Amino acid sequence: MKLLFSGVTTPKGFKAAGINCGIKKDNKLDLALLYSTNLCQCAGVYTKNIVKGHSLVLASEYAKKGQAQVVFINSGNANACVGPKGIDDAKTITKLISNELNILPEHVLTGSTGVIGYRLPMAKIKKGIIKASKDLSFKGGANAASAIMTTDTYTKEFAVKLMIDDIEVFIGGMAKGSGMIMPNMATMIATLTTDANISHNLLQKALLTATNQSFNKISVDGDTSVCDMTVILANGQSKCQLIKDNTKEYNEFFNGLLEVCQQLSKMIARDGEGATKLIEINIKNAFTLNDAELAAKAIANSPLVKTAFFGEDANWGRLLTAAGYSGANFNPNETTIKIGSLILFDKGVAIPFSEIEASEILKRKDIFVTIDFGEGNYEDTVWTCDFSYDYVKINAHYRT
């Protein structure tokens, strides 16, 4: 596998565009279009939040049919909680794109992200779709990745190259997300592409499994958005043989997909609103996988843990306490806690440690926390970030 720092237009046959249609001020890009030159197999996972954005609802309905050719995403407006007009507007978008690109409306997957409670400015979006359709390019992935951002501070793109039966196969992706991050079944918004030859059902299986090991393993603030969505298009243009389940070829494809998803996930956690550090929480030797997951997520979501990391304070008690209330079954007297390679707590006993060494570790941009329960064979990893003063500033005035 070769890692590539590119995005959704890396696989063969995919074009993209990112333009400003006037939703955002200051000419910031706010409308992204992704297009395959042929019809694709598709799959998707979506938020479990009871409140769902209208664009997402329509996308999930169309994606169930297993085929798509275009993904449309606008930023700056979530198209959520505006009543029946929200679905009508999403359907209008699919029809506008259908007319421009000569495809069926149900082959367009719609996504929207931003502030909820406001109707989409359809006149602006119509003009934007016309422009974006003309701007579609095999080099347009970076602009598309920029156009889906909200409070993100940088674009999030990644791709890999695989060899399947001596044929090059590519998987690419872009994502957005910085706040309201603790996905449940999906991510904030992520779009993945591949030129692999794979069925809708197997693609759905691979995406769901990869999502549970990547996007569902990140947290910035414990909130789940109404617009969380991950979709993937597979156009088969690599000309590799049809990938079948339980084969070497499937494993190679899945590992590539997982790599892209995990890399994008880490970028999201690292770019958490106001974040200064990426924190990896590793739970080891738990009784069950559920115990490991419960403890890892509780620690990742704890405001006290996150503020301690921002303050560069080796307050291991906050880590242990969060694990203790998580619902995980473990014995504190068998538990060890480390930051980096520095042991802070060992089998129920606080260990004297060098505050200078701890401070050096906590100044790093990437911090690794290991909590070893010492009694089982299961482990889990969650990625999160610290809480800084800027997180409050950003979210106290999000609408204004």
Protein backbone atom coordinates (compact mmCIF):
# COMPACT_ATOMS: atom_id res chain seq x y z
CA MET A 1 0.00 0.00 0.00
CA LYS A 2 1.26 3.44 -0.93
CA LEU A 3 0.02 6.48 1.01
CA LEU A 4 -0.90 9.50 -1.07
CA PHE A 5 -1.62 13.00 0.18
CA SER A 6 -4.41 13.65 -2.29
CA GLY A 7 -8.15 13.18 -2.29
CA VAL A 8 -11.35 12.17 -4.06
CA THR A 9 -10.09 12.70 -7.61
CA THR A 10 -7.14 10.33 -7.14
CA PRO A 11 -9.06 7.23 -8.35
CA LYS A 12 -9.63 7.03 -12.10
CA GLY A 13 -12.73 8.64 -13.56
CA PHE A 14 -13.60 11.10 -10.80
CA LYS A 15 -13.93 14.84 -11.30
CA ALA A 16 -14.67 17.48 -8.68
CA ALA A 17 -15.23 21.19 -8.23
CA GLY A 18 -15.47 23.60 -5.33
CA ILE A 19 -16.91 27.09 -5.82
CA ASN A 20 -18.47 29.99 -3.93
CA CYS A 21 -22.20 30.35 -4.57
CA GLY A 22 -22.83 33.05 -1.97
CA ILE A 23 -23.86 31.09 1.12
CA LYS A 24 -20.64 32.09 2.87
CA LYS A 25 -19.27 35.59 3.05
CA ASP A 26 -15.89 36.78 1.80
CA ASN A 27 -16.02 34.55 -1.30
CA LYS A 28 -15.19 31.42 0.70
CA LEU A 29 -15.88 28.19 -1.16
CA ASP A 30 -19.23 26.73 -0.11
CA LEU A 31 -20.45 24.31 -2.79
CA ALA A 32 -18.73 21.05 -3.75
CA LEU A 33 -19.57 18.70 -6.58
CA LEU A 34 -18.07 15.24 -7.09
CA TYR A 35 -18.79 13.40 -10.34
CA SER A 36 -17.86 10.02 -11.78
CA THR A 37 -17.72 9.68 -15.55
CA ASN A 38 -19.72 6.46 -15.21
CA LEU A 39 -22.39 5.14 -12.85
CA CYS A 40 -21.03 3.82 -9.55
CA GLN A 41 -21.89 1.34 -6.87
CA CYS A 42 -22.47 3.30 -3.69
CA ALA A 43 -22.81 2.83 0.06
CA GLY A 44 -23.41 5.09 3.01
CA VAL A 45 -23.69 5.38 6.78
CA TYR A 46 -25.62 8.14 8.49
CA THR A 47 -26.18 9.78 11.86
CA LYS A 48 -28.29 7.97 14.46
CA ASN A 49 -29.38 11.33 15.85
CA ILE A 50 -33.20 11.37 15.79
CA VAL A 51 -32.96 14.87 14.32
CA LYS A 52 -31.71 14.56 10.75
CA GLY A 53 -30.92 17.10 8.05
CA HIS A 54 -33.16 17.03 4.99
CA SER A 55 -30.30 16.63 2.51
CA LEU A 56 -29.04 13.62 4.47
CA VAL A 57 -32.50 12.03 4.56
CA LEU A 58 -32.77 12.21 0.78
CA ALA A 59 -29.22 10.91 0.27
CA SER A 60 -29.87 7.90 2.49
CA GLU A 61 -33.09 7.15 0.58
CA TYR A 62 -31.36 7.28 -2.81
CA ALA A 63 -28.24 5.41 -1.68
CA LYS A 64 -30.30 2.40 -0.61
CA LYS A 65 -30.80 1.66 -4.31
CA GLY A 66 -27.05 0.99 -4.52
CA GLN A 67 -26.06 3.29 -7.38
CA ALA A 68 -24.96 6.92 -7.66
CA GLN A 69 -22.85 9.13 -9.87
CA VAL A 70 -22.68 12.50 -8.08
CA VAL A 71 -22.22 13.79 -4.56
CA PHE A 72 -23.32 17.37 -3.86
CA ILE A 73 -22.35 19.10 -0.60
CA ASN A 74 -22.94 22.68 0.46
CA SER A 75 -21.50 24.26 3.58
CA GLY A 76 -22.73 27.20 5.65
CA ASN A 77 -26.31 25.91 5.85
CA ALA A 78 -27.34 22.50 7.20
CA ASN A 79 -30.75 22.36 5.46
CA ALA A 80 -32.20 21.02 8.71
CA CYS A 81 -35.37 21.70 10.71
CA VAL A 82 -37.12 23.79 8.04
CA GLY A 83 -40.08 21.48 7.39
CA PRO A 84 -41.19 19.87 4.10
CA LYS A 85 -39.46 22.62 2.11
CA GLY A 86 -36.12 21.12 3.15
CA ILE A 87 -36.76 17.85 1.33
CA ASP A 88 -38.23 19.77 -1.60
CA ASP A 89 -35.06 21.85 -1.85
CA ALA A 90 -32.85 18.74 -1.71
CA LYS A 91 -34.90 17.15 -4.50
CA THR A 92 -34.65 20.35 -6.53
CA ILE A 93 -30.86 20.18 -6.20
CA THR A 94 -30.82 16.63 -7.58
CA LYS A 95 -32.98 17.70 -10.53
CA LEU A 96 -30.79 20.73 -11.28
CA ILE A 97 -27.69 18.54 -11.30
CA SER A 98 -29.53 15.95 -13.38
CA ASN A 99 -30.19 18.56 -16.03
CA GLU A 100 -26.63 19.86 -16.04
CA LEU A 101 -24.87 16.47 -16.17
CA ASN A 102 -27.48 14.39 -17.98
CA ILE A 103 -27.92 11.81 -15.23
CA LEU A 104 -30.89 10.60 -13.20
CA PRO A 105 -31.85 12.71 -10.13
CA GLU A 106 -31.80 9.61 -7.91
CA HIS A 107 -28.13 9.14 -8.79
CA VAL A 108 -27.27 12.37 -6.91
CA LEU A 109 -26.45 12.12 -3.18
CA THR A 110 -26.97 15.40 -1.29
CA GLY A 111 -25.24 16.66 1.82
CA SER A 112 -25.43 19.96 3.69
CA THR A 113 -23.55 21.26 6.71
CA GLY A 114 -23.66 24.44 8.76
CA VAL A 115 -26.25 26.31 10.79
CA ILE A 116 -29.66 24.63 11.23
CA GLY A 117 -33.08 26.26 10.96
CA TYR A 118 -32.63 28.25 7.74
CA ARG A 119 -33.78 27.35 4.23
CA LEU A 120 -31.17 26.95 1.55
CA PRO A 121 -30.79 30.01 -0.72
CA MET A 122 -31.94 28.10 -3.78
CA ALA A 123 -31.39 30.90 -6.31
CA LYS A 124 -27.73 31.07 -5.29
CA ILE A 125 -27.39 27.29 -5.26
CA LYS A 126 -28.89 26.99 -8.74
CA LYS A 127 -26.28 29.38 -10.13
CA GLY A 128 -23.62 27.54 -8.16
CA ILE A 129 -24.58 24.17 -9.60
CA ILE A 130 -24.34 25.54 -13.13
CA LYS A 131 -20.89 26.96 -12.42
CA ALA A 132 -19.61 23.91 -10.53
CA SER A 133 -20.79 21.59 -13.31
CA LYS A 134 -18.70 23.55 -15.79
CA ASP A 135 -15.72 23.63 -13.43
CA LEU A 136 -15.56 19.86 -12.87
CA SER A 137 -11.96 18.70 -13.22
CA PHE A 138 -9.79 15.67 -12.58
CA LYS A 139 -7.70 18.07 -10.44
CA GLY A 140 -10.64 19.59 -8.58
CA GLY A 141 -10.46 17.50 -5.42
CA ALA A 142 -8.67 20.10 -3.31
CA ASN A 143 -11.24 22.80 -4.07
CA ALA A 144 -14.07 20.39 -3.25
CA ALA A 145 -12.42 19.56 0.08
CA SER A 146 -12.15 23.26 0.86
CA ALA A 147 -15.79 23.93 -0.08
CA ILE A 148 -17.21 21.50 2.51
CA MET A 149 -15.43 23.09 5.49
CA THR A 150 -17.25 24.98 8.25
CA THR A 151 -15.10 25.76 11.31
CA ASP A 152 -12.28 23.56 10.00
CA THR A 153 -8.92 25.29 9.84
CA TYR A 154 -7.56 23.13 7.02
CA THR A 155 -8.75 20.69 4.35
CA LYS A 156 -8.78 16.98 5.07
CA GLU A 157 -7.78 14.72 2.17
CA PHE A 158 -6.08 11.35 1.90
CA ALA A 159 -5.68 8.53 -0.62
CA VAL A 160 -3.94 5.18 -1.05
CA LYS A 161 -2.75 3.07 -3.96
CA LEU A 162 -3.20 -0.70 -3.79
CA MET A 163 -2.21 -3.56 -6.06
CA ILE A 164 -5.03 -6.04 -6.66
CA ASP A 165 -4.18 -8.80 -9.15
CA ASP A 166 -1.24 -6.68 -10.33
CA ILE A 167 -3.62 -3.84 -11.18
CA GLU A 168 -3.41 -0.41 -9.56
CA VAL A 169 -6.48 0.41 -7.47
CA PHE A 170 -6.95 3.76 -5.75
CA ILE A 171 -9.08 4.85 -2.81
CA GLY A 172 -9.42 8.56 -2.03
CA GLY A 173 -11.35 10.63 0.46
CA MET A 174 -12.18 14.03 1.85
CA ALA A 175 -13.84 14.98 5.11
CA LYS A 176 -14.94 17.97 7.11
CA GLY A 177 -15.37 18.28 10.83
CA SER A 178 -14.03 20.31 13.70
CA GLY A 179 -16.86 20.72 16.23
CA MET A 180 -19.95 18.68 17.18
CA ILE A 181 -17.75 15.63 16.87
CA MET A 182 -18.61 12.26 18.33
CA PRO A 183 -20.07 10.42 15.37
CA ASN A 184 -22.54 7.59 15.71
CA MET A 185 -22.52 5.41 12.57
CA ALA A 186 -20.90 8.09 10.40
CA THR A 187 -18.71 11.15 10.50
CA MET A 188 -19.47 14.82 10.16
CA ILE A 189 -19.36 14.58 6.39
CA ALA A 190 -16.94 12.35 4.53
CA THR A 191 -16.92 11.38 0.88
CA LEU A 192 -14.84 8.47 -0.38
CA THR A 193 -14.10 7.29 -3.91
CA THR A 194 -12.51 4.23 -5.46
CA ASP A 195 -11.96 2.80 -8.91
CA ALA A 196 -12.23 -0.73 -7.51
CA ASN A 197 -14.76 -3.19 -8.92
CA ILE A 198 -16.98 -4.15 -5.97
CA SER A 199 -20.67 -4.79 -5.40
CA HIS A 200 -22.98 -2.47 -3.47
CA ASN A 201 -23.55 -5.01 -0.69
CA LEU A 202 -19.85 -5.73 -0.14
CA LEU A 203 -19.04 -2.03 -0.35
CA GLN A 204 -21.64 -1.36 2.35
CA LYS A 205 -20.10 -4.04 4.56
CA ALA A 206 -16.60 -2.62 4.10
CA LEU A 207 -17.70 0.96 4.76
CA LEU A 208 -19.65 0.10 7.91
CA THR A 209 -16.77 -1.94 9.32
CA ALA A 210 -14.19 0.75 8.47
CA THR A 211 -16.40 3.48 9.93
CA ASN A 212 -16.69 1.65 13.23
CA GLN A 213 -12.89 1.45 13.42
CA SER A 214 -12.21 5.06 12.41
CA PHE A 215 -14.85 7.79 12.36
CA ASN A 216 -16.71 6.22 15.29
CA LYS A 217 -13.44 6.28 17.25
CA ILE A 218 -13.02 10.05 17.39
CA SER A 219 -14.41 12.70 19.69
CA VAL A 220 -13.88 16.43 19.97
CA ASP A 221 -16.73 17.44 22.27
CA GLY A 222 -19.10 14.46 22.57
CA ASP A 223 -21.78 15.96 20.30
CA THR A 224 -23.34 14.14 17.35
CA SER A 225 -24.46 16.34 14.45
CA VAL A 226 -27.75 16.03 12.56
CA CYS A 227 -25.78 15.99 9.29
CA ASP A 228 -23.25 13.21 9.98
CA MET A 229 -22.78 11.21 6.80
CA THR A 230 -20.18 9.08 5.07
CA VAL A 231 -20.69 7.91 1.49
CA ILE A 232 -18.48 6.03 -0.95
CA LEU A 233 -18.65 5.67 -4.73
CA ALA A 234 -16.96 2.80 -6.60
CA ASN A 235 -16.81 3.17 -10.40
CA GLY A 236 -14.78 0.06 -11.33
CA GLN A 237 -12.51 1.96 -13.75
CA SER A 238 -9.36 0.24 -12.48
CA LYS A 239 -10.60 -2.83 -14.39
CA CYS A 240 -9.58 -5.13 -11.56
CA GLN A 241 -11.61 -8.32 -11.19
CA LEU A 242 -14.81 -8.16 -9.14
CA ILE A 243 -13.79 -8.19 -5.48
CA LYS A 244 -15.49 -10.98 -3.55
CA ASP A 245 -16.04 -11.44 0.16
CA ASN A 246 -13.63 -13.44 2.31
CA THR A 247 -10.78 -13.20 -0.19
CA LYS A 248 -7.27 -11.82 -0.22
CA GLU A 249 -8.47 -9.10 -2.62
CA TYR A 250 -11.22 -8.02 -0.22
CA ASN A 251 -8.78 -7.85 2.68
CA GLU A 252 -6.43 -5.68 0.62
CA PHE A 253 -9.28 -3.37 -0.37
CA PHE A 254 -10.62 -3.15 3.16
CA ASN A 255 -7.21 -2.36 4.65
CA GLY A 256 -6.81 0.46 2.14
CA LEU A 257 -10.26 1.83 2.92
CA LEU A 258 -9.56 1.64 6.65
CA GLU A 259 -6.26 3.49 6.20
CA VAL A 260 -8.00 6.36 4.41
CA CYS A 261 -10.79 6.51 7.00
CA GLN A 262 -8.40 6.46 9.96
CA GLN A 263 -6.13 9.10 8.47
CA LEU A 264 -9.12 11.40 7.86
CA SER A 265 -10.40 10.67 11.38
CA LYS A 266 -7.10 11.71 12.96
CA MET A 267 -7.13 14.91 10.91
CA ILE A 268 -10.59 15.72 12.24
CA ALA A 269 -9.58 15.09 15.86
CA ARG A 270 -6.38 17.09 15.42
CA ASP A 271 -8.40 19.98 13.98
CA GLY A 272 -10.98 20.03 16.78
CA GLU A 273 -12.30 23.52 17.43
CA GLY A 274 -9.61 25.39 19.35
CA ALA A 275 -7.53 22.22 19.71
CA THR A 276 -3.77 22.36 20.25
CA LYS A 277 -3.06 18.61 20.62
CA LEU A 278 -4.12 15.24 19.21
CA ILE A 279 -4.59 12.71 22.00
CA GLU A 280 -4.66 8.96 21.37
CA ILE A 281 -6.33 6.95 24.13
CA ASN A 282 -5.31 3.27 24.14
CA ILE A 283 -7.11 0.83 26.45
CA LYS A 284 -5.35 -2.53 26.68
CA ASN A 285 -6.02 -5.92 28.25
CA ALA A 286 -9.68 -5.31 29.07
CA PHE A 287 -12.14 -8.10 29.93
CA THR A 288 -14.30 -7.39 26.86
CA LEU A 289 -14.22 -5.12 23.80
CA ASN A 290 -17.20 -3.25 25.26
CA ASP A 291 -15.23 -2.52 28.44
CA ALA A 292 -12.36 -1.13 26.38
CA GLU A 293 -14.69 1.00 24.24
CA LEU A 294 -16.62 2.39 27.22
CA ALA A 295 -13.46 3.43 29.04
CA ALA A 296 -11.76 4.93 25.98
CA LYS A 297 -14.77 7.05 25.02
CA ALA A 298 -15.41 8.25 28.57
CA ILE A 299 -11.81 9.45 28.86
CA ALA A 300 -11.89 11.04 25.41
CA ASN A 301 -15.10 12.93 26.23
CA SER A 302 -14.15 14.12 29.72
CA PRO A 303 -13.85 17.95 29.86
CA LEU A 304 -11.57 17.57 32.89
CA VAL A 305 -9.22 15.27 30.97
CA LYS A 306 -9.24 17.52 27.92
CA THR A 307 -8.56 20.71 29.88
CA ALA A 308 -5.74 19.01 31.78
CA PHE A 309 -4.03 18.17 28.50
CA PHE A 310 -4.45 21.77 27.33
CA GLY A 311 -2.85 22.94 30.58
CA GLU A 312 -0.10 20.32 30.17
CA ASP A 313 -0.91 18.91 33.60
CA ALA A 314 -0.13 15.21 34.13
CA ASN A 315 -3.31 14.75 36.18
CA TRP A 316 -3.62 10.97 35.80
CA GLY A 317 -6.42 10.92 38.39
CA ARG A 318 -8.79 12.38 35.81
CA LEU A 319 -8.01 9.53 33.43
CA LEU A 320 -8.63 6.88 36.09
CA THR A 321 -11.80 8.58 37.33
CA ALA A 322 -13.30 8.79 33.83
CA ALA A 323 -12.61 5.09 33.28
CA GLY A 324 -14.20 4.43 36.66
CA TYR A 325 -17.55 6.01 35.82
CA SER A 326 -17.61 4.76 32.20
CA GLY A 327 -19.42 1.52 33.02
CA ALA A 328 -16.38 -0.54 32.07
CA ASN A 329 -15.63 -3.55 34.25
CA PHE A 330 -12.01 -3.38 35.48
CA ASN A 331 -9.98 -3.61 38.64
CA PRO A 332 -8.09 -0.39 39.53
CA ASN A 333 -5.62 -2.50 41.53
CA GLU A 334 -4.52 -4.20 38.30
CA THR A 335 -4.44 -1.02 36.20
CA THR A 336 -1.44 0.90 34.84
CA ILE A 337 -1.52 4.40 33.31
CA LYS A 338 1.17 5.88 31.05
CA ILE A 339 1.59 9.03 28.99
CA GLY A 340 4.13 8.30 26.32
CA SER A 341 6.54 5.92 28.04
CA LEU A 342 6.18 7.58 31.45
CA ILE A 343 4.34 5.49 34.08
CA LEU A 344 2.11 7.58 36.37
CA PHE A 345 0.00 4.92 38.10
CA ASP A 346 0.84 1.24 38.52
CA LYS A 347 -1.51 -1.48 39.82
CA GLY A 348 -3.50 0.76 42.13
CA VAL A 349 -0.60 2.89 43.33
CA ALA A 350 0.50 6.40 42.36
CA ILE A 351 4.09 6.35 41.09
CA PRO A 352 6.53 9.23 41.75
CA PHE A 353 7.48 10.65 38.36
CA SER A 354 9.51 13.46 36.90
CA GLU A 355 7.30 16.52 36.38
CA ILE A 356 9.92 17.81 33.95
CA GLU A 357 9.68 14.65 31.82
CA ALA A 358 5.89 14.75 32.01
CA SER A 359 5.88 18.39 30.92
CA GLU A 360 8.07 17.60 27.92
CA ILE A 361 5.69 14.84 26.83
CA LEU A 362 2.62 17.05 27.27
CA LYS A 363 4.10 19.84 25.16
CA ARG A 364 4.00 17.58 22.11
CA LYS A 365 1.35 17.97 19.42
CA ASP A 366 0.60 14.22 19.48
CA ILE A 367 0.18 12.60 22.89
CA PHE A 368 -0.27 8.87 23.50
CA VAL A 369 -2.09 7.65 26.60
CA THR A 370 -2.02 3.96 27.53
CA ILE A 371 -4.29 2.47 30.18
CA ASP A 372 -3.63 -1.20 30.78
CA PHE A 373 -6.38 -2.98 32.74
CA GLY A 374 -4.09 -6.00 33.06
CA GLU A 375 -6.76 -8.70 33.13
CA GLY A 376 -8.14 -9.46 29.66
CA ASN A 377 -7.29 -9.67 25.99
CA TYR A 378 -9.28 -6.83 24.40
CA GLU A 379 -8.20 -3.35 23.41
CA ASP A 380 -9.58 -0.20 21.82
CA THR A 381 -8.24 3.14 20.59
CA VAL A 382 -10.02 6.50 20.43
CA TRP A 383 -8.62 9.78 19.11
CA THR A 384 -9.55 13.09 20.72
CA CYS A 385 -8.12 16.55 21.36
CA ASP A 386 -7.72 19.03 24.19
CA PHE A 387 -10.14 21.81 25.18
CA SER A 388 -8.68 25.31 24.92
CA TYR A 389 -10.11 28.77 25.58
CA ASP A 390 -10.81 29.06 21.85
CA TYR A 391 -13.34 26.19 21.88
CA VAL A 392 -15.63 28.30 24.08
CA LYS A 393 -15.06 31.41 21.98
CA ILE A 394 -15.90 29.61 18.73
CA ASN A 395 -19.07 27.97 20.03
CA ALA A 396 -20.33 30.86 22.13
CA HIS A 397 -20.74 32.92 18.97
CA TYR A 398 -21.28 30.23 16.28
CA ARG A 399 -24.37 31.85 14.74
CA THR A 400 -23.18 35.42 15.14
